C-alpha cells in the first residue's frame, strides 16, 4: 500500500432525532463516529462498525440489516 493511501473504515449508526420515537440510520467514517461519541457520548446508537466499503455501509443502513448485526465489527 502506498504511504499516501488511507485505510478507511465505515460505521452505520442510528441517529437520535428529537421528537421521533425511532431515529434514522446514517453512515460515516469511523473517525467521524469517534468524534460524535466524544462530543455526545451515547446520544446516537452504533449499529455496526468495521465496514471496509462505503457502498456496503450504505446498503446496510438502507436495508435495516445493520440493526440485526448490532454489536459486531
PDB file of N, CA and C in Angstrom:
ATOM      1  N   UNK A   1       0.841  -1.175   0.000  1.00  0.00           N
ATOM      2  CA  UNK A   1       0.000   0.000   0.000  1.00  0.00           C
ATOM      3  C   UNK A   1       0.886   1.238   0.000  1.00  0.00           C
ATOM      4  N   UNK A   2       0.534   2.199  -0.773  1.00  0.00           N
ATOM      5  CA  UNK A   2       1.229   3.465  -0.875  1.00  0.00           C
ATOM      6  C   UNK A   2       1.122   4.240   0.441  1.00  0.00           C
ATOM      7  N   UNK A   3       2.160   4.999   0.792  1.00  0.00           N
ATOM      8  CA  UNK A   3       2.142   5.777   2.030  1.00  0.00           C
ATOM      9  C   UNK A   3       0.990   6.760   2.075  1.00  0.00           C
ATOM     10  N   UNK A   4       0.569   7.274   0.938  1.00  0.00           N
ATOM     11  CA  UNK A   4      -0.496   8.273   0.929  1.00  0.00           C
ATOM     12  C   UNK A   4      -1.893   7.658   0.975  1.00  0.00           C
ATOM     13  N   UNK A   5      -1.987   6.334   0.789  1.00  0.00           N
ATOM     14  CA  UNK A   5      -3.282   5.673   0.855  1.00  0.00           C
ATOM     15  C   UNK A   5      -3.724   5.574   2.307  1.00  0.00           C
ATOM     16  N   UNK A   6      -4.986   5.875   2.535  1.00  0.00           N
ATOM     17  CA  UNK A   6      -5.535   5.840   3.880  1.00  0.00           C
ATOM     18  C   UNK A   6      -6.560   4.712   3.954  1.00  0.00           C
ATOM     19  N   UNK A   7      -6.433   3.869   4.949  1.00  0.00           N
ATOM     20  CA  UNK A   7      -7.413   2.815   5.154  1.00  0.00           C
ATOM     21  C   UNK A   7      -8.588   3.434   5.903  1.00  0.00           C
ATOM     22  N   UNK A   8      -9.764   3.337   5.299  1.00  0.00           N
ATOM     23  CA  UNK A   8     -10.955   3.941   5.886  1.00  0.00           C
ATOM     24  C   UNK A   8     -11.920   2.843   6.294  1.00  0.00           C
ATOM     25  N   UNK A   9     -12.438   2.976   7.483  1.00  0.00           N
ATOM     26  CA  UNK A   9     -13.449   2.069   7.990  1.00  0.00           C
ATOM     27  C   UNK A   9     -14.739   2.869   8.166  1.00  0.00           C
ATOM     28  N   UNK A  10     -15.866   2.236   7.888  1.00  0.00           N
ATOM     29  CA  UNK A  10     -17.161   2.903   7.937  1.00  0.00           C
ATOM     30  C   UNK A  10     -18.017   2.311   9.041  1.00  0.00           C
ATOM     31  N   UNK A  11     -18.952   3.104   9.544  1.00  0.00           N
ATOM     32  CA  UNK A  11     -19.900   2.635  10.554  1.00  0.00           C
ATOM     33  C   UNK A  11     -21.319   2.997  10.121  1.00  0.00           C
ATOM     34  N   UNK A  12     -22.267   2.225  10.629  1.00  0.00           N
ATOM     35  CA  UNK A  12     -23.686   2.542  10.486  1.00  0.00           C
ATOM     36  C   UNK A  12     -24.187   2.800  11.892  1.00  0.00           C
ATOM     37  N   UNK A  13     -24.927   3.881  12.063  1.00  0.00           N
ATOM     38  CA  UNK A  13     -25.461   4.190  13.378  1.00  0.00           C
ATOM     39  C   UNK A  13     -26.876   4.733  13.260  1.00  0.00           C
ATOM     40  N   UNK A  14     -27.607   4.689  14.375  1.00  0.00           N
ATOM     41  CA  UNK A  14     -28.947   5.240  14.422  1.00  0.00           C
ATOM     42  C   UNK A  14     -28.852   6.641  14.991  1.00  0.00           C
ATOM     43  N   UNK A  15     -29.225   7.600  14.175  1.00  0.00           N
ATOM     44  CA  UNK A  15     -29.227   8.999  14.601  1.00  0.00           C
ATOM     45  C   UNK A  15     -30.418   9.249  15.518  1.00  0.00           C
ATOM     46  N   UNK A  16     -30.180   9.871  16.627  1.00  0.00           N
ATOM     47  CA  UNK A  16     -31.250  10.250  17.525  1.00  0.00           C
ATOM     48  C   UNK A  16     -31.842  11.557  17.020  1.00  0.00           C
ATOM     49  N   UNK A  17     -33.141  11.540  16.783  1.00  0.00           N
ATOM     50  CA  UNK A  17     -33.837  12.735  16.309  1.00  0.00           C
ATOM     51  C   UNK A  17     -34.852  13.161  17.358  1.00  0.00           C
ATOM     52  N   UNK A  18     -34.783  14.410  17.756  1.00  0.00           N
ATOM     53  CA  UNK A  18     -35.687  14.927  18.766  1.00  0.00           C
ATOM     54  C   UNK A  18     -37.132  14.812  18.285  1.00  0.00           C
ATOM     55  N   UNK A  19     -37.976  14.287  19.139  1.00  0.00           N
ATOM     56  CA  UNK A  19     -39.388  14.177  18.823  1.00  0.00           C
ATOM     57  C   UNK A  19     -39.767  12.972  17.984  1.00  0.00           C
ATOM     58  N   UNK A  20     -38.814  12.133  17.646  1.00  0.00           N
ATOM     59  CA  UNK A  20     -39.095  10.935  16.843  1.00  0.00           C
ATOM     60  C   UNK A  20     -38.856   9.698  17.706  1.00  0.00           C
ATOM     61  N   UNK A  21     -39.798   8.745  17.685  1.00  0.00           N
ATOM     62  CA  UNK A  21     -39.601   7.548  18.508  1.00  0.00           C
ATOM     63  C   UNK A  21     -38.443   6.676  18.020  1.00  0.00           C
ATOM     64  N   UNK A  22     -38.199   6.663  16.703  1.00  0.00           N
ATOM     65  CA  UNK A  22     -37.118   5.867  16.145  1.00  0.00           C
ATOM     66  C   UNK A  22     -36.291   6.760  15.231  1.00  0.00           C
ATOM     67  N   UNK A  23     -34.984   6.750  15.419  1.00  0.00           N
ATOM     68  CA  UNK A  23     -34.107   7.562  14.581  1.00  0.00           C
ATOM     69  C   UNK A  23     -33.881   6.926  13.225  1.00  0.00           C
ATOM     70  N   UNK A  24     -33.184   7.643  12.370  1.00  0.00           N
ATOM     71  CA  UNK A  24     -32.855   7.127  11.044  1.00  0.00           C
ATOM     72  C   UNK A  24     -31.440   6.571  11.062  1.00  0.00           C
ATOM     73  N   UNK A  25     -31.169   5.647  10.156  1.00  0.00           N
ATOM     74  CA  UNK A  25     -29.824   5.084  10.053  1.00  0.00           C
ATOM     75  C   UNK A  25     -28.957   6.025   9.233  1.00  0.00           C
ATOM     76  N   UNK A  26     -27.715   6.169   9.647  1.00  0.00           N
ATOM     77  CA  UNK A  26     -26.765   7.043   8.963  1.00  0.00           C
ATOM     78  C   UNK A  26     -25.431   6.318   8.839  1.00  0.00           C
ATOM     79  N   UNK A  27     -24.594   6.823   7.940  1.00  0.00           N
ATOM     80  CA  UNK A  27     -23.281   6.239   7.660  1.00  0.00           C
ATOM     81  C   UNK A  27     -22.231   7.328   7.810  1.00  0.00           C
ATOM     82  N   UNK A  28     -21.098   6.986   8.380  1.00  0.00           N
ATOM     83  CA  UNK A  28     -19.970   7.913   8.419  1.00  0.00           C
ATOM     84  C   UNK A  28     -18.683   7.111   8.573  1.00  0.00           C
ATOM     85  N   UNK A  29     -17.561   7.792   8.419  1.00  0.00           N
ATOM     86  CA  UNK A  29     -16.274   7.148   8.646  1.00  0.00           C
ATOM     87  C   UNK A  29     -16.095   6.894  10.137  1.00  0.00           C
ATOM     88  N   UNK A  30     -15.309   5.873  10.464  1.00  0.00           N
ATOM     89  CA  UNK A  30     -15.051   5.522  11.854  1.00  0.00           C
ATOM     90  C   UNK A  30     -14.536   6.729  12.644  1.00  0.00           C
ATOM     91  N   UNK A  31     -13.639   7.502  12.041  1.00  0.00           N
ATOM     92  CA  UNK A  31     -13.081   8.666  12.750  1.00  0.00           C
ATOM     93  C   UNK A  31     -14.158   9.705  13.053  1.00  0.00           C
ATOM     94  N   UNK A  32     -15.118   9.858  12.151  1.00  0.00           N
ATOM     95  CA  UNK A  32     -16.222  10.794  12.394  1.00  0.00           C
ATOM     96  C   UNK A  32     -17.119  10.285  13.518  1.00  0.00           C
ATOM     97  N   UNK A  33     -17.341   8.968  13.549  1.00  0.00           N
ATOM     98  CA  UNK A  33     -18.134   8.382  14.629  1.00  0.00           C
ATOM     99  C   UNK A  33     -17.463   8.633  15.980  1.00  0.00           C
ATOM    100  N   UNK A  34     -16.153   8.430  16.015  1.00  0.00           N
ATOM    101  CA  UNK A  34     -15.429   8.638  17.274  1.00  0.00           C
ATOM    102  C   UNK A  34     -15.570  10.079  17.748  1.00  0.00           C
ATOM    103  N   UNK A  35     -15.546  11.039  16.824  1.00  0.00           N
ATOM    104  CA  UNK A  35     -15.735  12.446  17.184  1.00  0.00           C
ATOM    105  C   UNK A  35     -17.155  12.688  17.701  1.00  0.00           C
ATOM    106  N   UNK A  36     -18.153  12.063  17.069  1.00  0.00           N
ATOM    107  CA  UNK A  36     -19.538  12.184  17.538  1.00  0.00           C
ATOM    108  C   UNK A  36     -19.665  11.656  18.961  1.00  0.00           C
ATOM    109  N   UNK A  37     -19.072  10.510  19.212  1.00  0.00           N
ATOM    110  CA  UNK A  37     -19.144   9.905  20.544  1.00  0.00           C
ATOM    111  C   UNK A  37     -18.444  10.761  21.598  1.00  0.00           C
ATOM    112  N   UNK A  38     -17.341  11.380  21.216  1.00  0.00           N
ATOM    113  CA  UNK A  38     -16.648  12.249  22.170  1.00  0.00           C
ATOM    114  C   UNK A  38     -17.485  13.477  22.516  1.00  0.00           C
ATOM    115  N   UNK A  39     -18.182  14.011  21.521  1.00  0.00           N
ATOM    116  CA  UNK A  39     -18.959  15.224  21.757  1.00  0.00           C
ATOM    117  C   UNK A  39     -20.254  14.958  22.531  1.00  0.00           C
ATOM    118  N   UNK A  40     -20.887  13.804  22.289  1.00  0.00           N
ATOM    119  CA  UNK A  40     -22.141  13.454  22.980  1.00  0.00           C
ATOM    120  C   UNK A  40     -22.188  11.945  23.198  1.00  0.00           C
ATOM    121  N   UNK A  41     -21.476  11.457  24.198  1.00  0.00           N
ATOM    122  CA  UNK A  41     -21.406  10.010  24.430  1.00  0.00           C
ATOM    123  C   UNK A  41     -22.788   9.380  24.603  1.00  0.00           C
ATOM    124  N   UNK A  42     -23.032   8.309  23.841  1.00  0.00           N
ATOM    125  CA  UNK A  42     -24.274   7.564  23.979  1.00  0.00           C
ATOM    126  C   UNK A  42     -25.509   8.192  23.348  1.00  0.00           C
ATOM    127  N   UNK A  43     -25.394   9.363  22.752  1.00  0.00           N
ATOM    128  CA  UNK A  43     -26.563  10.036  22.174  1.00  0.00           C
ATOM    129  C   UNK A  43     -27.087   9.286  20.955  1.00  0.00           C
ATOM    130  N   UNK A  44     -26.187   8.895  20.067  1.00  0.00           N
ATOM    131  CA  UNK A  44     -26.547   8.092  18.904  1.00  0.00           C
ATOM    132  C   UNK A  44     -26.179   6.637  19.207  1.00  0.00           C
ATOM    133  N   UNK A  45     -26.759   5.695  18.466  1.00  0.00           N
ATOM    134  CA  UNK A  45     -26.527   4.276  18.718  1.00  0.00           C
ATOM    135  C   UNK A  45     -25.727   3.654  17.582  1.00  0.00           C
ATOM    136  N   UNK A  46     -24.552   3.138  17.907  1.00  0.00           N
ATOM    137  CA  UNK A  46     -23.733   2.442  16.924  1.00  0.00           C
ATOM    138  C   UNK A  46     -24.375   1.097  16.616  1.00  0.00           C
ATOM    139  N   UNK A  47     -24.609   0.839  15.333  1.00  0.00           N
ATOM    140  CA  UNK A  47     -25.222  -0.424  14.923  1.00  0.00           C
ATOM    141  C   UNK A  47     -24.199  -1.411  14.396  1.00  0.00           C
ATOM    142  N   UNK A  48     -23.259  -0.921  13.606  1.00  0.00           N
ATOM    143  CA  UNK A  48     -22.228  -1.812  13.053  1.00  0.00           C
ATOM    144  C   UNK A  48     -20.996  -0.981  12.715  1.00  0.00           C
ATOM    145  N   UNK A  49     -19.830  -1.476  13.090  1.00  0.00           N
ATOM    146  CA  UNK A  49     -18.561  -0.803  12.819  1.00  0.00           C
ATOM    147  C   UNK A  49     -17.666  -1.732  12.020  1.00  0.00           C
ATOM    148  N   UNK A  50     -16.578  -1.191  11.514  1.00  0.00           N
ATOM    149  CA  UNK A  50     -15.583  -2.008  10.836  1.00  0.00           C
ATOM    150  C   UNK A  50     -15.943  -2.384   9.415  1.00  0.00           C
ATOM    151  N   UNK A  51     -16.828  -1.639   8.793  1.00  0.00           N
ATOM    152  CA  UNK A  51     -17.222  -1.919   7.412  1.00  0.00           C
ATOM    153  C   UNK A  51     -16.152  -1.319   6.505  1.00  0.00           C
ATOM    154  N   UNK A  52     -15.631  -2.095   5.592  1.00  0.00           N
ATOM    155  CA  UNK A  52     -14.493  -1.650   4.789  1.00  0.00           C
ATOM    156  C   UNK A  52     -14.884  -0.962   3.486  1.00  0.00           C
ATOM    157  N   UNK A  53     -16.181  -0.912   3.196  1.00  0.00           N
ATOM    158  CA  UNK A  53     -16.632  -0.368   1.927  1.00  0.00           C
ATOM    159  C   UNK A  53     -17.821   0.555   2.169  1.00  0.00           C
ATOM    160  N   UNK A  54     -17.747   1.804   1.691  1.00  0.00           N
ATOM    161  CA  UNK A  54     -18.820   2.768   1.910  1.00  0.00           C
ATOM    162  C   UNK A  54     -20.136   2.289   1.290  1.00  0.00           C
ATOM    163  N   UNK A  55     -20.063   1.691   0.113  1.00  0.00           N
ATOM    164  CA  UNK A  55     -21.270   1.204  -0.539  1.00  0.00           C
ATOM    165  C   UNK A  55     -21.977   0.150   0.295  1.00  0.00           C
ATOM    166  N   UNK A  56     -21.204  -0.753   0.885  1.00  0.00           N
ATOM    167  CA  UNK A  56     -21.782  -1.781   1.748  1.00  0.00           C
ATOM    168  C   UNK A  56     -22.418  -1.145   2.976  1.00  0.00           C
ATOM    169  N   UNK A  57     -21.774  -0.152   3.555  1.00  0.00           N
ATOM    170  CA  UNK A  57     -22.326   0.551   4.710  1.00  0.00           C
ATOM    171  C   UNK A  57     -23.658   1.207   4.340  1.00  0.00           C
ATOM    172  N   UNK A  58     -23.719   1.831   3.178  1.00  0.00           N
ATOM    173  CA  UNK A  58     -24.960   2.467   2.712  1.00  0.00           C
ATOM    174  C   UNK A  58     -26.063   1.429   2.532  1.00  0.00           C
ATOM    175  N   UNK A  59     -25.734   0.293   1.952  1.00  0.00           N
ATOM    176  CA  UNK A  59     -26.727  -0.772   1.756  1.00  0.00           C
ATOM    177  C   UNK A  59     -27.269  -1.277   3.097  1.00  0.00           C
ATOM    178  N   UNK A  60     -26.378  -1.477   4.049  1.00  0.00           N
ATOM    179  CA  UNK A  60     -26.808  -1.926   5.374  1.00  0.00           C
ATOM    180  C   UNK A  60     -27.712  -0.898   6.043  1.00  0.00           C
ATOM    181  N   UNK A  61     -27.363   0.364   5.917  1.00  0.00           N
ATOM    182  CA  UNK A  61     -28.167   1.426   6.532  1.00  0.00           C
ATOM    183  C   UNK A  61     -29.563   1.472   5.912  1.00  0.00           C
ATOM    184  N   UNK A  62     -29.639   1.381   4.591  1.00  0.00           N
ATOM    185  CA  UNK A  62     -30.940   1.438   3.906  1.00  0.00           C
ATOM    186  C   UNK A  62     -31.792   0.207   4.177  1.00  0.00           C
ATOM    187  N   UNK A  63     -31.163  -0.947   4.250  1.00  0.00           N
ATOM    188  CA  UNK A  63     -31.912  -2.192   4.405  1.00  0.00           C
ATOM    189  C   UNK A  63     -32.373  -2.445   5.828  1.00  0.00           C
ATOM    190  N   UNK A  64     -31.731  -1.802   6.788  1.00  0.00           N
ATOM    191  CA  UNK A  64     -32.045  -2.057   8.186  1.00  0.00           C
ATOM    192  C   UNK A  64     -31.326  -3.271   8.744  1.00  0.00           C
ATOM    193  N   UNK A  65     -30.535  -3.954   7.937  1.00  0.00           N
ATOM    194  CA  UNK A  65     -29.824  -5.150   8.393  1.00  0.00           C
ATOM    195  C   UNK A  65     -28.728  -4.838   9.405  1.00  0.00           C
ATOM    196  N   UNK A  66     -28.296  -3.609   9.469  1.00  0.00           N
ATOM    197  CA  UNK A  66     -27.248  -3.249  10.427  1.00  0.00           C
ATOM    198  C   UNK A  66     -27.759  -3.421  11.852  1.00  0.00           C
ATOM    199  N   UNK A  67     -29.049  -3.216  12.069  1.00  0.00           N
ATOM    200  CA  UNK A  67     -29.617  -3.377  13.391  1.00  0.00           C
ATOM    201  C   UNK A  67     -29.528  -4.833  13.836  1.00  0.00           C
ATOM    202  N   UNK A  68     -29.678  -5.762  12.905  1.00  0.00           N
ATOM    203  CA  UNK A  68     -29.579  -7.194  13.204  1.00  0.00           C
ATOM    204  C   UNK A  68     -28.143  -7.533  13.576  1.00  0.00           C
ATOM    205  N   UNK A  69     -27.191  -6.836  12.955  1.00  0.00           N
ATOM    206  CA  UNK A  69     -25.778  -7.118  13.189  1.00  0.00           C
ATOM    207  C   UNK A  69     -25.216  -6.306  14.349  1.00  0.00           C
ATOM    208  N   UNK A  70     -26.066  -5.725  15.149  1.00  0.00           N
ATOM    209  CA  UNK A  70     -25.647  -4.856  16.243  1.00  0.00           C
ATOM    210  C   UNK A  70     -24.579  -5.511  17.104  1.00  0.00           C
ATOM    211  N   UNK A  71     -23.568  -4.714  17.410  1.00  0.00           N
ATOM    212  CA  UNK A  71     -22.504  -5.182  18.274  1.00  0.00           C
ATOM    213  C   UNK A  71     -21.365  -5.876  17.551  1.00  0.00           C
ATOM    214  N   UNK A  72     -21.554  -6.265  16.316  1.00  0.00           N
ATOM    215  CA  UNK A  72     -20.448  -6.913  15.600  1.00  0.00           C
ATOM    216  C   UNK A  72     -19.614  -5.876  14.892  1.00  0.00           C
ATOM    217  N   UNK A  73     -18.365  -6.182  14.672  1.00  0.00           N
ATOM    218  CA  UNK A  73     -17.494  -5.237  13.967  1.00  0.00           C
ATOM    219  C   UNK A  73     -16.708  -5.925  12.895  1.00  0.00           C
TER     220      UNK A  73
END
